[in-house]
Amino acid sequence: MKNSTLLLFLLLPFISFSQVVETPRGEFFDDLIEMPQMDRNAISYFRKDGKYGFKKGDSLIFAPVFDHVKSYRNFYVVQNNGKYGALNKAVEFILPIKYDTLFTSYASGSAIIARNSNMYGAFDLDGANVLKLKYNQVDYADATSSIFVVRDKKNETKVLLANGKAVNKDLQNITIYKNGIIASVDHKYGFIADNSIQIPFEYDELKIGSAGFRKTNQSNENFVQVSTFANPIIARKG
């Protein structure tokens, strides 16, 4: 895939924002002694004698045995002796401490990206492997919609769907939404969602409405309806 432009969008009802894809590469740990908490019975992590542990209120869950802890929205990453593992928000292990690094796609938050032996893959929030660790890089991973953007051994960008199924097209101008992808092939645009190509790559332009892929009764040669989503998709030919 040559000269691909990859942007990242997350659609929420009545709200949208965008950001350029940035894949974390370093160690992302804060130096907080203890997580701020509003509820005395909330789970928090704390630091003692240079190590981190977890507690619920005043009850100890994990003694301070971890070198570092990072809290994400849906899970924790813990580190010991240079290796990383993951805990769910109930502080139960979902990934053992054996990976070279663990992080998430911030716009998705539904997958844990892992690296071992310089190969990347992804897990869902229950610890199930949803993308094999065999890629040079994972730029985006969403375990809920089964959409992944990876770089292969030739460092070419590929879009993968469920079970590592590749979209066998030279995709360019990739825009990722929470539940689908708009991209172009030979300057013609199409839409990928639900593990398949929903709109063929034959349009000069595709636009997403702001109210959520809503089905509409409008119909003409320039309009494409996608009934399984909440926002209208407007397509233009010529």
C-alpha atoms as a PDB file:
ATOM      1  CA  MET A   1       0.000   0.000   0.000  1.00  0.00           C
ATOM      2  CA  LYS A   2       1.598   3.233  -1.130  1.00  0.00           C
ATOM      3  CA  ASN A   3       1.234   6.712   0.313  1.00  0.00           C
ATOM      4  CA  SER A   4      -1.637   5.755   2.573  1.00  0.00           C
ATOM      5  CA  THR A   5      -3.156   8.546   4.627  1.00  0.00           C
ATOM      6  CA  LEU A   6      -4.553   7.173   7.873  1.00  0.00           C
ATOM      7  CA  LEU A   7      -6.681   9.308  10.182  1.00  0.00           C
ATOM      8  CA  LEU A   8      -8.698   8.218  13.173  1.00  0.00           C
ATOM      9  CA  PHE A   9     -12.241   9.330  14.069  1.00  0.00           C
ATOM     10  CA  LEU A  10     -14.534   8.283  16.893  1.00  0.00           C
ATOM     11  CA  LEU A  11     -18.228   9.015  16.405  1.00  0.00           C
ATOM     12  CA  LEU A  12     -20.435   9.558  19.436  1.00  0.00           C
ATOM     13  CA  PRO A  13     -24.061  10.760  19.385  1.00  0.00           C
ATOM     14  CA  PHE A  14     -23.942  14.463  18.497  1.00  0.00           C
ATOM     15  CA  ILE A  15     -20.180  14.540  19.159  1.00  0.00           C
ATOM     16  CA  SER A  16     -17.251  13.769  16.908  1.00  0.00           C
ATOM     17  CA  PHE A  17     -13.524  14.339  17.133  1.00  0.00           C
ATOM     18  CA  SER A  18     -10.449  13.257  15.246  1.00  0.00           C
ATOM     19  CA  GLN A  19      -6.794  12.605  15.879  1.00  0.00           C
ATOM     20  CA  VAL A  20      -3.832  11.371  13.892  1.00  0.00           C
ATOM     21  CA  VAL A  21      -2.982   7.793  14.771  1.00  0.00           C
ATOM     22  CA  GLU A  22      -0.058   7.650  17.164  1.00  0.00           C
ATOM     23  CA  THR A  23       1.141   4.290  18.448  1.00  0.00           C
ATOM     24  CA  PRO A  24       2.720   4.390  21.923  1.00  0.00           C
ATOM     25  CA  ARG A  25       6.218   2.895  21.908  1.00  0.00           C
ATOM     26  CA  GLY A  26       7.678   3.692  25.309  1.00  0.00           C
ATOM     27  CA  GLU A  27       6.806   2.892  28.896  1.00  0.00           C
ATOM     28  CA  PHE A  28       3.750   4.807  30.042  1.00  0.00           C
ATOM     29  CA  PHE A  29       3.747   4.822  33.823  1.00  0.00           C
ATOM     30  CA  ASP A  30       2.949   7.697  36.084  1.00  0.00           C
ATOM     31  CA  ASP A  31       4.670   8.461  39.374  1.00  0.00           C
ATOM     32  CA  LEU A  32       1.545   8.752  41.515  1.00  0.00           C
ATOM     33  CA  ILE A  33       1.957   7.336  44.968  1.00  0.00           C
ATOM     34  CA  GLU A  34      -1.752   6.469  45.080  1.00  0.00           C
ATOM     35  CA  MET A  35      -4.652   6.800  42.678  1.00  0.00           C
ATOM     36  CA  PRO A  36      -7.091   9.555  43.649  1.00  0.00           C
ATOM     37  CA  GLN A  37     -10.422   8.053  44.685  1.00  0.00           C
ATOM     38  CA  MET A  38     -13.879   9.421  45.471  1.00  0.00           C
ATOM     39  CA  ASP A  39     -15.219   6.208  47.018  1.00  0.00           C
ATOM     40  CA  ARG A  40     -13.475   4.721  50.046  1.00  0.00           C
ATOM     41  CA  ASN A  41     -14.464   1.262  48.762  1.00  0.00           C
ATOM     42  CA  ALA A  42     -13.073   1.874  45.277  1.00  0.00           C
ATOM     43  CA  ILE A  43     -10.175  -0.206  43.984  1.00  0.00           C
ATOM     44  CA  SER A  44      -6.929   1.739  43.857  1.00  0.00           C
ATOM     45  CA  TYR A  45      -3.243   1.089  43.509  1.00  0.00           C
ATOM     46  CA  PHE A  46      -0.589   2.357  45.881  1.00  0.00           C
ATOM     47  CA  ARG A  47       3.189   2.511  46.186  1.00  0.00           C
ATOM     48  CA  LYS A  48       5.223   1.241  49.089  1.00  0.00           C
ATOM     49  CA  ASP A  49       8.992   0.733  49.293  1.00  0.00           C
ATOM     50  CA  GLY A  50       9.300   1.283  45.547  1.00  0.00           C
ATOM     51  CA  LYS A  51       6.692  -1.355  44.619  1.00  0.00           C
ATOM     52  CA  TYR A  52       3.017  -1.102  43.639  1.00  0.00           C
ATOM     53  CA  GLY A  53       0.033  -3.008  45.020  1.00  0.00           C
ATOM     54  CA  PHE A  54      -3.772  -2.853  44.917  1.00  0.00           C
ATOM     55  CA  LYS A  55      -6.382  -2.387  47.598  1.00  0.00           C
ATOM     56  CA  LYS A  56     -10.139  -1.944  47.899  1.00  0.00           C
ATOM     57  CA  GLY A  57     -10.838   0.622  50.536  1.00  0.00           C
ATOM     58  CA  ASP A  58      -8.656  -0.514  53.426  1.00  0.00           C
ATOM     59  CA  SER A  59      -8.586  -4.164  52.294  1.00  0.00           C
ATOM     60  CA  LEU A  60      -5.457  -5.417  50.550  1.00  0.00           C
ATOM     61  CA  ILE A  61      -5.980  -7.162  47.167  1.00  0.00           C
ATOM     62  CA  PHE A  62      -2.380  -7.392  45.917  1.00  0.00           C
ATOM     63  CA  ALA A  63       0.638  -6.816  48.135  1.00  0.00           C
ATOM     64  CA  PRO A  64       3.084  -4.279  46.628  1.00  0.00           C
ATOM     65  CA  VAL A  65       4.986  -6.617  44.275  1.00  0.00           C
ATOM     66  CA  PHE A  66       4.786  -4.799  40.924  1.00  0.00           C
ATOM     67  CA  ASP A  67       7.524  -2.527  39.587  1.00  0.00           C
ATOM     68  CA  HIS A  68       5.012  -0.275  37.805  1.00  0.00           C
ATOM     69  CA  VAL A  69       1.259   0.087  37.240  1.00  0.00           C
ATOM     70  CA  LYS A  70      -0.563   1.928  34.462  1.00  0.00           C
ATOM     71  CA  SER A  71      -4.327   2.445  34.617  1.00  0.00           C
ATOM     72  CA  TYR A  72      -6.261   2.482  31.357  1.00  0.00           C
ATOM     73  CA  ARG A  73     -10.004   3.042  31.069  1.00  0.00           C
ATOM     74  CA  ASN A  74     -10.833  -0.687  30.986  1.00  0.00           C
ATOM     75  CA  PHE A  75      -7.778  -2.450  32.418  1.00  0.00           C
ATOM     76  CA  TYR A  76      -4.462  -2.108  34.231  1.00  0.00           C
ATOM     77  CA  VAL A  77      -1.006  -2.873  32.875  1.00  0.00           C
ATOM     78  CA  VAL A  78       1.503  -4.116  35.435  1.00  0.00           C
ATOM     79  CA  GLN A  79       5.252  -4.601  35.038  1.00  0.00           C
ATOM     80  CA  ASN A  80       7.760  -6.845  36.738  1.00  0.00           C
ATOM     81  CA  ASN A  81      11.390  -7.391  35.737  1.00  0.00           C
ATOM     82  CA  GLY A  82      10.888  -5.675  32.388  1.00  0.00           C
ATOM     83  CA  LYS A  83       7.862  -7.786  31.374  1.00  0.00           C
ATOM     84  CA  TYR A  84       4.220  -6.704  31.224  1.00  0.00           C
ATOM     85  CA  GLY A  85       0.849  -8.237  32.082  1.00  0.00           C
ATOM     86  CA  ALA A  86      -2.738  -7.010  32.312  1.00  0.00           C
ATOM     87  CA  LEU A  87      -5.439  -6.999  34.993  1.00  0.00           C
ATOM     88  CA  ASN A  88      -9.111  -6.210  34.558  1.00  0.00           C
ATOM     89  CA  LYS A  89     -10.754  -3.520  36.675  1.00  0.00           C
ATOM     90  CA  ALA A  90     -11.628  -6.150  39.266  1.00  0.00           C
ATOM     91  CA  VAL A  91      -7.838  -6.668  39.570  1.00  0.00           C
ATOM     92  CA  GLU A  92      -7.920 -10.177  38.087  1.00  0.00           C
ATOM     93  CA  PHE A  93      -5.198 -11.281  35.675  1.00  0.00           C
ATOM     94  CA  ILE A  94      -6.319 -11.373  32.050  1.00  0.00           C
ATOM     95  CA  LEU A  95      -2.803 -11.517  30.548  1.00  0.00           C
ATOM     96  CA  PRO A  96       0.224 -13.015  32.339  1.00  0.00           C
ATOM     97  CA  ILE A  97       3.366 -10.971  32.947  1.00  0.00           C
ATOM     98  CA  LYS A  98       5.336 -12.178  29.927  1.00  0.00           C
ATOM     99  CA  TYR A  99       5.013  -9.511  27.204  1.00  0.00           C
ATOM    100  CA  ASP A 100       7.616  -6.985  26.090  1.00  0.00           C
ATOM    101  CA  THR A 101       4.998  -4.217  26.086  1.00  0.00           C
ATOM    102  CA  LEU A 102       1.222  -3.750  26.406  1.00  0.00           C
ATOM    103  CA  PHE A 103      -0.873  -0.711  25.512  1.00  0.00           C
ATOM    104  CA  THR A 104      -4.151   0.212  23.813  1.00  0.00           C
ATOM    105  CA  SER A 105      -5.515   2.246  20.924  1.00  0.00           C
ATOM    106  CA  TYR A 106      -6.742   5.293  22.803  1.00  0.00           C
ATOM    107  CA  ALA A 107      -9.627   5.965  20.404  1.00  0.00           C
ATOM    108  CA  SER A 108     -10.820   2.362  20.728  1.00  0.00           C
ATOM    109  CA  GLY A 109      -9.994   1.172  24.222  1.00  0.00           C
ATOM    110  CA  SER A 110     -11.521  -2.226  23.464  1.00  0.00           C
ATOM    111  CA  ALA A 111      -8.297  -4.107  22.707  1.00  0.00           C
ATOM    112  CA  ILE A 112      -4.930  -4.639  24.352  1.00  0.00           C
ATOM    113  CA  ILE A 113      -2.033  -4.427  21.894  1.00  0.00           C
ATOM    114  CA  ALA A 114       0.916  -6.650  22.785  1.00  0.00           C
ATOM    115  CA  ARG A 115       4.494  -7.073  21.590  1.00  0.00           C
ATOM    116  CA  ASN A 116       6.760 -10.072  22.021  1.00  0.00           C
ATOM    117  CA  SER A 117       9.988 -10.763  20.103  1.00  0.00           C
ATOM    118  CA  ASN A 118       9.343  -7.605  18.042  1.00  0.00           C
ATOM    119  CA  MET A 119       6.012  -8.950  16.743  1.00  0.00           C
ATOM    120  CA  TYR A 120       2.702  -7.260  17.538  1.00  0.00           C
ATOM    121  CA  GLY A 121      -0.835  -8.601  17.997  1.00  0.00           C
ATOM    122  CA  ALA A 122      -3.934  -7.893  20.091  1.00  0.00           C
ATOM    123  CA  PHE A 123      -6.207  -9.313  22.796  1.00  0.00           C
ATOM    124  CA  ASP A 124      -9.727  -8.441  23.854  1.00  0.00           C
ATOM    125  CA  LEU A 125     -10.518  -7.258  27.381  1.00  0.00           C
ATOM    126  CA  ASP A 126     -11.109 -10.848  28.531  1.00  0.00           C
ATOM    127  CA  GLY A 127      -7.623 -11.841  27.403  1.00  0.00           C
ATOM    128  CA  ALA A 128      -8.702 -13.733  24.268  1.00  0.00           C
ATOM    129  CA  ASN A 129      -6.295 -13.395  21.344  1.00  0.00           C
ATOM    130  CA  VAL A 130      -8.070 -11.526  18.533  1.00  0.00           C
ATOM    131  CA  LEU A 131      -4.996 -10.790  16.403  1.00  0.00           C
ATOM    132  CA  LYS A 132      -1.965 -13.070  16.239  1.00  0.00           C
ATOM    133  CA  LEU A 133       1.391 -11.653  17.313  1.00  0.00           C
ATOM    134  CA  LYS A 134       2.966 -11.684  13.851  1.00  0.00           C
ATOM    135  CA  TYR A 135       2.886  -8.076  12.626  1.00  0.00           C
ATOM    136  CA  ASN A 136       5.590  -5.408  12.496  1.00  0.00           C
ATOM    137  CA  GLN A 137       3.223  -2.906  14.089  1.00  0.00           C
ATOM    138  CA  VAL A 138      -0.424  -2.540  15.117  1.00  0.00           C
ATOM    139  CA  ASP A 139      -1.574   1.031  14.525  1.00  0.00           C
ATOM    140  CA  TYR A 140      -5.204   0.483  15.514  1.00  0.00           C
ATOM    141  CA  ALA A 141      -7.124  -2.373  17.133  1.00  0.00           C
ATOM    142  CA  ASP A 142     -10.821  -2.591  17.982  1.00  0.00           C
ATOM    143  CA  ALA A 143     -11.872  -5.957  19.368  1.00  0.00           C
ATOM    144  CA  THR A 144     -15.546  -4.962  19.409  1.00  0.00           C
ATOM    145  CA  SER A 145     -15.870  -4.139  15.712  1.00  0.00           C
ATOM    146  CA  SER A 146     -13.018  -6.504  14.703  1.00  0.00           C
ATOM    147  CA  ILE A 147     -11.168  -3.799  12.784  1.00  0.00           C
ATOM    148  CA  PHE A 148      -7.374  -3.739  12.833  1.00  0.00           C
ATOM    149  CA  VAL A 149      -4.817  -1.620  11.005  1.00  0.00           C
ATOM    150  CA  VAL A 150      -1.392  -3.285  10.903  1.00  0.00           C
ATOM    151  CA  ARG A 151       1.939  -3.101   9.138  1.00  0.00           C
ATOM    152  CA  ASP A 152       3.201  -6.328   7.616  1.00  0.00           C
ATOM    153  CA  LYS A 153       6.777  -7.590   7.225  1.00  0.00           C
ATOM    154  CA  LYS A 154       7.246  -5.241   4.264  1.00  0.00           C
ATOM    155  CA  ASN A 155       6.022  -2.391   6.495  1.00  0.00           C
ATOM    156  CA  GLU A 156       2.959  -1.964   4.261  1.00  0.00           C
ATOM    157  CA  THR A 157      -0.301  -0.887   5.903  1.00  0.00           C
ATOM    158  CA  LYS A 158      -3.050  -3.511   5.851  1.00  0.00           C
ATOM    159  CA  VAL A 159      -6.635  -3.455   7.099  1.00  0.00           C
ATOM    160  CA  LEU A 160      -7.706  -6.694   8.764  1.00  0.00           C
ATOM    161  CA  LEU A 161     -11.136  -7.833   9.882  1.00  0.00           C
ATOM    162  CA  ALA A 162     -12.206 -10.688  12.167  1.00  0.00           C
ATOM    163  CA  ASN A 163      -9.855 -13.688  12.435  1.00  0.00           C
ATOM    164  CA  GLY A 164      -7.104 -11.750  10.638  1.00  0.00           C
ATOM    165  CA  LYS A 165      -9.058 -11.686   7.371  1.00  0.00           C
ATOM    166  CA  ALA A 166      -7.323  -9.150   5.114  1.00  0.00           C
ATOM    167  CA  VAL A 167      -9.097  -6.660   2.894  1.00  0.00           C
ATOM    168  CA  ASN A 168      -7.327  -7.636  -0.313  1.00  0.00           C
ATOM    169  CA  LYS A 169      -7.330  -4.201  -1.865  1.00  0.00           C
ATOM    170  CA  ASP A 170      -4.738  -1.447  -2.055  1.00  0.00           C
ATOM    171  CA  LEU A 171      -6.527   0.853   0.383  1.00  0.00           C
ATOM    172  CA  GLN A 172      -5.598   4.510   0.605  1.00  0.00           C
ATOM    173  CA  ASN A 173      -7.011   7.540   2.459  1.00  0.00           C
ATOM    174  CA  ILE A 174      -8.137   5.297   5.303  1.00  0.00           C
ATOM    175  CA  THR A 175     -10.522   6.885   7.801  1.00  0.00           C
ATOM    176  CA  ILE A 176     -11.508   4.717  10.772  1.00  0.00           C
ATOM    177  CA  TYR A 177     -14.804   5.240  12.560  1.00  0.00           C
ATOM    178  CA  LYS A 178     -15.988   3.487  15.679  1.00  0.00           C
ATOM    179  CA  ASN A 179     -17.965   0.971  13.635  1.00  0.00           C
ATOM    180  CA  GLY A 180     -16.477   1.067  10.141  1.00  0.00           C
ATOM    181  CA  ILE A 181     -13.886   2.299   7.658  1.00  0.00           C
ATOM    182  CA  ILE A 182     -14.104   4.643   4.695  1.00  0.00           C
ATOM    183  CA  ALA A 183     -11.181   4.252   2.291  1.00  0.00           C
ATOM    184  CA  SER A 184     -10.332   4.641  -1.373  1.00  0.00           C
ATOM    185  CA  VAL A 185      -9.082   2.257  -4.056  1.00  0.00           C
ATOM    186  CA  ASP A 186      -7.758   3.902  -7.233  1.00  0.00           C
ATOM    187  CA  HIS A 187      -9.343   7.186  -6.072  1.00  0.00           C
ATOM    188  CA  LYS A 188     -12.790   5.587  -5.629  1.00  0.00           C
ATOM    189  CA  TYR A 189     -14.319   5.382  -2.156  1.00  0.00           C
ATOM    190  CA  GLY A 190     -16.127   2.575  -0.352  1.00  0.00           C
ATOM    191  CA  PHE A 191     -17.208   1.571   3.141  1.00  0.00           C
ATOM    192  CA  ILE A 192     -16.152  -1.474   5.216  1.00  0.00           C
ATOM    193  CA  ALA A 193     -18.119  -2.661   8.264  1.00  0.00           C
ATOM    194  CA  ASP A 194     -19.538  -5.832   9.801  1.00  0.00           C
ATOM    195  CA  ASN A 195     -16.555  -7.813   8.539  1.00  0.00           C
ATOM    196  CA  SER A 196     -17.244  -7.102   4.847  1.00  0.00           C
ATOM    197  CA  ILE A 197     -17.338  -4.388   2.168  1.00  0.00           C
ATOM    198  CA  GLN A 198     -20.733  -2.739   2.672  1.00  0.00           C
ATOM    199  CA  ILE A 199     -20.400  -0.106  -0.062  1.00  0.00           C
ATOM    200  CA  PRO A 200     -18.272  -0.948  -3.145  1.00  0.00           C
ATOM    201  CA  PHE A 201     -15.265   1.181  -4.071  1.00  0.00           C
ATOM    202  CA  GLU A 202     -16.911   3.070  -6.922  1.00  0.00           C
ATOM    203  CA  TYR A 203     -17.764   6.514  -5.528  1.00  0.00           C
ATOM    204  CA  ASP A 204     -15.886   9.788  -5.934  1.00  0.00           C
ATOM    205  CA  GLU A 205     -16.858  10.864  -2.428  1.00  0.00           C
ATOM    206  CA  LEU A 206     -18.438   9.425   0.731  1.00  0.00           C
ATOM    207  CA  LYS A 207     -19.673  11.576   3.582  1.00  0.00           C
ATOM    208  CA  ILE A 208     -20.945  10.596   7.016  1.00  0.00           C
ATOM    209  CA  GLY A 209     -23.954  12.407   8.457  1.00  0.00           C
ATOM    210  CA  SER A 210     -23.854  13.731  12.004  1.00  0.00           C
ATOM    211  CA  ALA A 211     -26.836  11.915  13.527  1.00  0.00           C
ATOM    212  CA  GLY A 212     -25.563   8.352  13.338  1.00  0.00           C
ATOM    213  CA  PHE A 213     -25.771   6.192  10.020  1.00  0.00           C
ATOM    214  CA  ARG A 214     -29.599   6.702  10.039  1.00  0.00           C
ATOM    215  CA  LYS A 215     -31.675   4.957   7.385  1.00  0.00           C
ATOM    216  CA  THR A 216     -33.420   7.486   5.145  1.00  0.00           C
ATOM    217  CA  ASN A 217     -36.101   7.382   2.455  1.00  0.00           C
ATOM    218  CA  GLN A 218     -34.067   9.636   0.186  1.00  0.00           C
ATOM    219  CA  SER A 219     -33.040   7.870  -3.003  1.00  0.00           C
ATOM    220  CA  ASN A 220     -31.113   8.951  -6.071  1.00  0.00           C
ATOM    221  CA  GLU A 221     -28.064   7.771  -7.974  1.00  0.00           C
ATOM    222  CA  ASN A 222     -25.708   9.720  -5.701  1.00  0.00           C
ATOM    223  CA  PHE A 223     -27.081   8.463  -2.375  1.00  0.00           C
ATOM    224  CA  VAL A 224     -26.186   5.191  -0.676  1.00  0.00           C
ATOM    225  CA  GLN A 225     -28.264   3.795   2.180  1.00  0.00           C
ATOM    226  CA  VAL A 226     -26.700   1.678   4.916  1.00  0.00           C
ATOM    227  CA  SER A 227     -29.593   0.384   6.949  1.00  0.00           C
ATOM    228  CA  THR A 228     -27.582  -1.406   9.642  1.00  0.00           C
ATOM    229  CA  PHE A 229     -26.019   1.793  11.011  1.00  0.00           C
ATOM    230  CA  ALA A 230     -27.330   4.942  12.585  1.00  0.00           C
ATOM    231  CA  ASN A 231     -25.788   7.701  10.356  1.00  0.00           C
ATOM    232  CA  PRO A 232     -26.594   8.422   6.708  1.00  0.00           C
ATOM    233  CA  ILE A 233     -23.756   7.902   4.232  1.00  0.00           C
ATOM    234  CA  ILE A 234     -23.884  10.278   1.299  1.00  0.00           C
ATOM    235  CA  ALA A 235     -22.070   9.128  -1.855  1.00  0.00           C
ATOM    236  CA  ARG A 236     -21.201  11.098  -4.959  1.00  0.00           C
ATOM    237  CA  LYS A 237     -20.335   9.843  -8.446  1.00  0.00           C
ATOM    238  CA  GLY A 238     -18.725  12.237 -10.868  1.00  0.00           C
END
